[in-house]
Amino acid sequence: METPFTRAAGVEVPLICGPMYPCSNPELVAAVSNAGGLGVVQPIALTYVHGHGFRDGLRLIRSLTPKPIGMNALIEQSSARYRVQMEEWIGIALEEGIRFFITSLGNPRWVVERVAAVGGVVYHDVTEPKWAEKALAGGVHGLIAVNRRAGGHAGGRDAVTLLRELTPFGVPVVAAGGVGEADEFRAMLDLGYAAVQCGTRFIATTECRTSDAYKAAIL
């Protein structure tokens, strides 16, 4: 199966490590990409939680894996200062070779324009069709279907219903929520999802730099 996601990301296994705050440390991002998925950098976690300069953090990840990685761009508009910072982060990410971006909580058009200009791909988090319409009007290349089992920012629909509602838009749809085992991963692909985004399950890995208590709670 080939989709714009797999072509742009350069991976054959359609698995994305979700952009978890605060658990998106360089070692975890690199480990996912090394295993054949796509590790996704969460810039606030990388800089404010784990203490890396953004460019230095990306280069650290590059030293740990030769495989592609992605970036999460939360683009809500409540702060002009934050918007400027996100613009800077996206510029650095593009300079450092990142070509797959996940946007959320805002109009993604300005991100798409910058990313598409260098051959990159932008997918957008959605929880229902009305947000998919807005994201696609902004030019995104695919959708992250955040279902009601997703950690942190769950939608209100189950994975089957959400896929049925989003399929008519004619772009690849990624399942997000409720997948922590191989059979669940396979089931999402069998339903027709182009890829699967996992997050919570990776908190319990040795590569994730969070507390043992948190990992025990996940398990």
Protein backbone atom coordinates (compact mmCIF):
# COMPACT_ATOMS: atom_id res chain seq x y z
CA MET A 1 0.00 0.00 0.00
CA GLU A 2 1.44 3.34 -1.05
CA THR A 3 -0.02 6.65 0.09
CA PRO A 4 1.27 10.24 0.18
CA PHE A 5 2.18 9.49 3.79
CA THR A 6 4.41 6.54 3.02
CA ARG A 7 6.02 8.24 0.03
CA ALA A 8 6.86 11.41 1.94
CA ALA A 9 7.87 9.75 5.16
CA GLY A 10 10.07 7.19 3.45
CA VAL A 11 8.82 4.31 5.60
CA GLU A 12 7.05 1.11 4.62
CA VAL A 13 5.44 0.27 7.95
CA PRO A 14 2.53 2.72 8.37
CA LEU A 15 3.07 3.54 12.04
CA ILE A 16 3.49 7.00 13.57
CA CYS A 17 4.64 7.64 17.13
CA GLY A 18 2.25 10.33 18.30
CA PRO A 19 3.63 13.73 19.36
CA MET A 20 3.27 13.23 23.09
CA TYR A 21 3.84 16.05 25.55
CA PRO A 22 5.99 15.75 27.64
CA CYS A 23 7.26 12.32 26.56
CA SER A 24 8.67 13.09 23.10
CA ASN A 25 12.36 12.85 24.02
CA PRO A 26 15.05 12.36 21.32
CA GLU A 27 15.83 8.75 22.25
CA LEU A 28 12.18 7.71 21.88
CA VAL A 29 11.67 9.55 18.59
CA ALA A 30 14.80 7.95 17.15
CA ALA A 31 13.92 4.46 18.43
CA VAL A 32 10.54 4.51 16.70
CA SER A 33 12.07 5.54 13.38
CA ASN A 34 14.84 2.96 13.75
CA ALA A 35 12.18 0.29 14.29
CA GLY A 36 10.52 1.17 10.97
CA GLY A 37 7.85 3.64 12.02
CA LEU A 38 7.93 7.42 12.03
CA GLY A 39 8.99 9.13 15.25
CA VAL A 40 7.42 12.56 15.70
CA VAL A 41 9.09 15.46 17.51
CA GLN A 42 6.98 17.59 19.83
CA PRO A 43 8.90 20.91 19.95
CA ILE A 44 7.72 22.14 23.35
CA ALA A 45 8.67 18.80 24.90
CA LEU A 46 12.03 18.83 23.12
CA THR A 47 12.95 22.34 24.25
CA TYR A 48 11.16 23.20 27.48
CA VAL A 49 10.89 19.72 29.01
CA HIS A 50 14.06 18.02 27.81
CA GLY A 51 16.18 21.16 27.62
CA HIS A 52 17.50 21.01 24.06
CA GLY A 53 17.83 23.91 21.68
CA PHE A 54 15.43 22.99 18.89
CA ARG A 55 18.04 22.68 16.15
CA ASP A 56 20.48 20.91 18.47
CA GLY A 57 17.72 18.53 19.55
CA LEU A 58 16.90 17.64 15.96
CA ARG A 59 20.56 17.03 15.23
CA LEU A 60 20.80 14.81 18.30
CA ILE A 61 17.94 12.72 16.91
CA ARG A 62 19.72 12.62 13.56
CA SER A 63 22.80 11.25 15.32
CA LEU A 64 20.65 8.43 16.72
CA THR A 65 18.82 7.46 13.52
CA PRO A 66 19.33 7.87 9.78
CA LYS A 67 15.60 7.32 9.24
CA PRO A 68 12.98 10.04 8.59
CA ILE A 69 11.23 11.78 11.49
CA GLY A 70 8.21 14.07 11.65
CA MET A 71 7.20 17.17 13.60
CA ASN A 72 4.08 18.17 15.50
CA ALA A 73 2.96 21.77 14.95
CA LEU A 74 0.22 22.81 17.35
CA ILE A 75 -0.95 26.02 15.68
CA GLU A 76 -3.64 27.48 17.95
CA GLN A 77 -3.79 31.29 17.76
CA SER A 78 -4.15 32.41 21.38
CA SER A 79 -0.65 33.91 21.52
CA ALA A 80 1.13 36.00 18.87
CA ARG A 81 4.45 35.18 20.54
CA TYR A 82 3.75 31.46 20.29
CA ARG A 83 2.88 31.82 16.59
CA VAL A 84 6.24 33.48 15.95
CA GLN A 85 8.00 30.72 17.86
CA MET A 86 6.18 27.99 15.91
CA GLU A 87 7.09 29.68 12.62
CA GLU A 88 10.73 29.63 13.70
CA TRP A 89 10.56 25.96 14.72
CA ILE A 90 8.99 24.95 11.42
CA GLY A 91 11.66 26.86 9.52
CA ILE A 92 14.41 25.07 11.43
CA ALA A 93 12.73 21.71 10.94
CA LEU A 94 12.57 22.26 7.18
CA GLU A 95 16.22 23.32 7.12
CA GLU A 96 17.10 20.13 9.00
CA GLY A 97 15.30 17.95 6.46
CA ILE A 98 11.97 17.17 8.14
CA ARG A 99 9.26 16.69 5.52
CA PHE A 100 6.29 15.25 7.45
CA PHE A 101 4.26 17.54 9.73
CA ILE A 102 1.18 17.03 11.90
CA THR A 103 -0.87 20.16 12.63
CA SER A 104 -3.73 20.73 15.05
CA LEU A 105 -5.98 23.36 16.62
CA GLY A 106 -5.81 26.03 13.93
CA ASN A 107 -5.87 26.85 10.22
CA PRO A 108 -2.98 24.88 8.70
CA ARG A 109 -2.72 26.83 5.43
CA TRP A 110 0.42 28.78 6.33
CA VAL A 111 2.16 25.55 7.40
CA VAL A 112 1.09 23.76 4.21
CA GLU A 113 2.38 26.59 2.04
CA ARG A 114 5.83 26.44 3.62
CA VAL A 115 6.05 22.66 3.76
CA ALA A 116 4.62 21.88 0.32
CA ALA A 117 7.02 24.37 -1.26
CA VAL A 118 9.89 21.97 -0.48
CA GLY A 119 7.99 18.76 -1.24
CA GLY A 120 6.77 18.00 2.26
CA VAL A 121 3.45 16.69 3.55
CA VAL A 122 1.06 17.99 6.22
CA TYR A 123 -1.59 15.95 8.01
CA HIS A 124 -4.09 17.52 10.41
CA ASP A 125 -5.75 16.21 13.59
CA VAL A 126 -9.54 16.02 13.28
CA THR A 127 -12.30 14.60 15.45
CA GLU A 128 -15.24 15.00 13.06
CA PRO A 129 -16.04 15.92 9.44
CA LYS A 130 -16.47 19.67 9.95
CA TRP A 131 -12.86 19.97 11.08
CA ALA A 132 -11.74 17.81 8.17
CA GLU A 133 -13.45 20.22 5.77
CA LYS A 134 -11.62 23.18 7.30
CA ALA A 135 -8.27 21.35 7.25
CA LEU A 136 -8.65 20.31 3.62
CA ALA A 137 -9.64 23.87 2.70
CA GLY A 138 -6.27 24.78 4.19
CA GLY A 139 -4.56 22.38 1.77
CA VAL A 140 -3.54 19.48 4.01
CA HIS A 141 -2.57 16.21 2.38
CA GLY A 142 -4.16 13.80 4.87
CA LEU A 143 -6.09 13.51 8.13
CA ILE A 144 -5.29 12.13 11.59
CA ALA A 145 -8.61 10.69 12.78
CA VAL A 146 -8.59 11.21 16.55
CA ASN A 147 -11.18 8.82 17.96
CA ARG A 148 -12.77 8.57 21.40
CA ARG A 149 -10.07 6.20 22.71
CA ALA A 150 -7.20 8.60 22.03
CA GLY A 151 -5.08 9.75 24.95
CA GLY A 152 -5.32 13.40 26.00
CA HIS A 153 -7.39 14.97 23.22
CA ALA A 154 -10.00 12.36 22.38
CA GLY A 155 -12.86 12.95 19.98
CA GLY A 156 -16.39 11.70 20.40
CA ARG A 157 -16.55 9.06 17.69
CA ASP A 158 -15.34 5.46 17.49
CA ALA A 159 -12.73 4.47 14.92
CA VAL A 160 -15.20 2.79 12.55
CA THR A 161 -17.62 5.71 12.48
CA LEU A 162 -14.86 8.27 12.06
CA LEU A 163 -13.31 6.42 9.13
CA ARG A 164 -16.69 6.10 7.43
CA GLU A 165 -17.25 9.84 7.78
CA LEU A 166 -13.78 10.86 6.60
CA THR A 167 -13.25 8.42 3.71
CA PRO A 168 -15.42 10.44 1.26
CA PHE A 169 -12.92 13.32 1.43
CA GLY A 170 -10.59 11.22 -0.71
CA VAL A 171 -7.33 11.64 1.26
CA PRO A 172 -5.38 9.14 3.38
CA VAL A 173 -6.73 8.82 6.93
CA VAL A 174 -4.59 7.81 9.91
CA ALA A 175 -6.17 6.11 12.95
CA ALA A 176 -5.33 7.71 16.31
CA GLY A 177 -6.54 6.20 19.57
CA GLY A 178 -6.92 2.85 21.26
CA VAL A 179 -4.07 0.95 19.61
CA GLY A 180 -1.50 -0.67 21.89
CA GLU A 181 -1.09 -4.19 20.52
CA ALA A 182 -0.19 -5.72 17.16
CA ASP A 183 -3.67 -7.16 16.56
CA GLU A 184 -5.26 -3.75 17.14
CA PHE A 185 -2.78 -2.19 14.71
CA ARG A 186 -3.61 -4.80 12.08
CA ALA A 187 -7.34 -4.31 12.63
CA MET A 188 -7.08 -0.58 11.89
CA LEU A 189 -5.28 -1.23 8.62
CA ASP A 190 -7.85 -3.88 7.71
CA LEU A 191 -10.62 -1.34 8.28
CA GLY A 192 -9.03 0.85 5.62
CA TYR A 193 -6.87 3.29 7.54
CA ALA A 194 -3.68 4.29 5.69
CA ALA A 195 -1.62 4.27 8.89
CA VAL A 196 -1.89 4.19 12.68
CA GLN A 197 -0.68 6.74 15.21
CA CYS A 198 0.29 5.40 18.63
CA GLY A 199 1.35 7.37 21.67
CA THR A 200 0.47 6.09 25.12
CA ARG A 201 1.89 2.62 24.50
CA PHE A 202 5.36 4.10 23.91
CA ILE A 203 5.46 5.79 27.31
CA ALA A 204 6.20 2.39 28.85
CA THR A 205 9.34 1.84 26.74
CA THR A 206 12.87 2.02 28.06
CA GLU A 207 13.64 4.77 25.53
CA CYS A 208 11.00 7.10 26.96
CA ARG A 209 12.52 9.45 29.55
CA THR A 210 9.66 9.64 31.99
CA SER A 211 9.27 8.38 35.55
CA ASP A 212 9.06 4.71 36.48
CA ALA A 213 5.83 5.47 38.32
CA TYR A 214 4.26 6.82 35.12
CA LYS A 215 5.42 3.76 33.16
CA ALA A 216 4.03 1.44 35.84
CA ALA A 217 0.70 3.24 35.66
CA ILE A 218 0.59 2.77 31.90
CA LEU A 219 1.33 -0.94 32.25
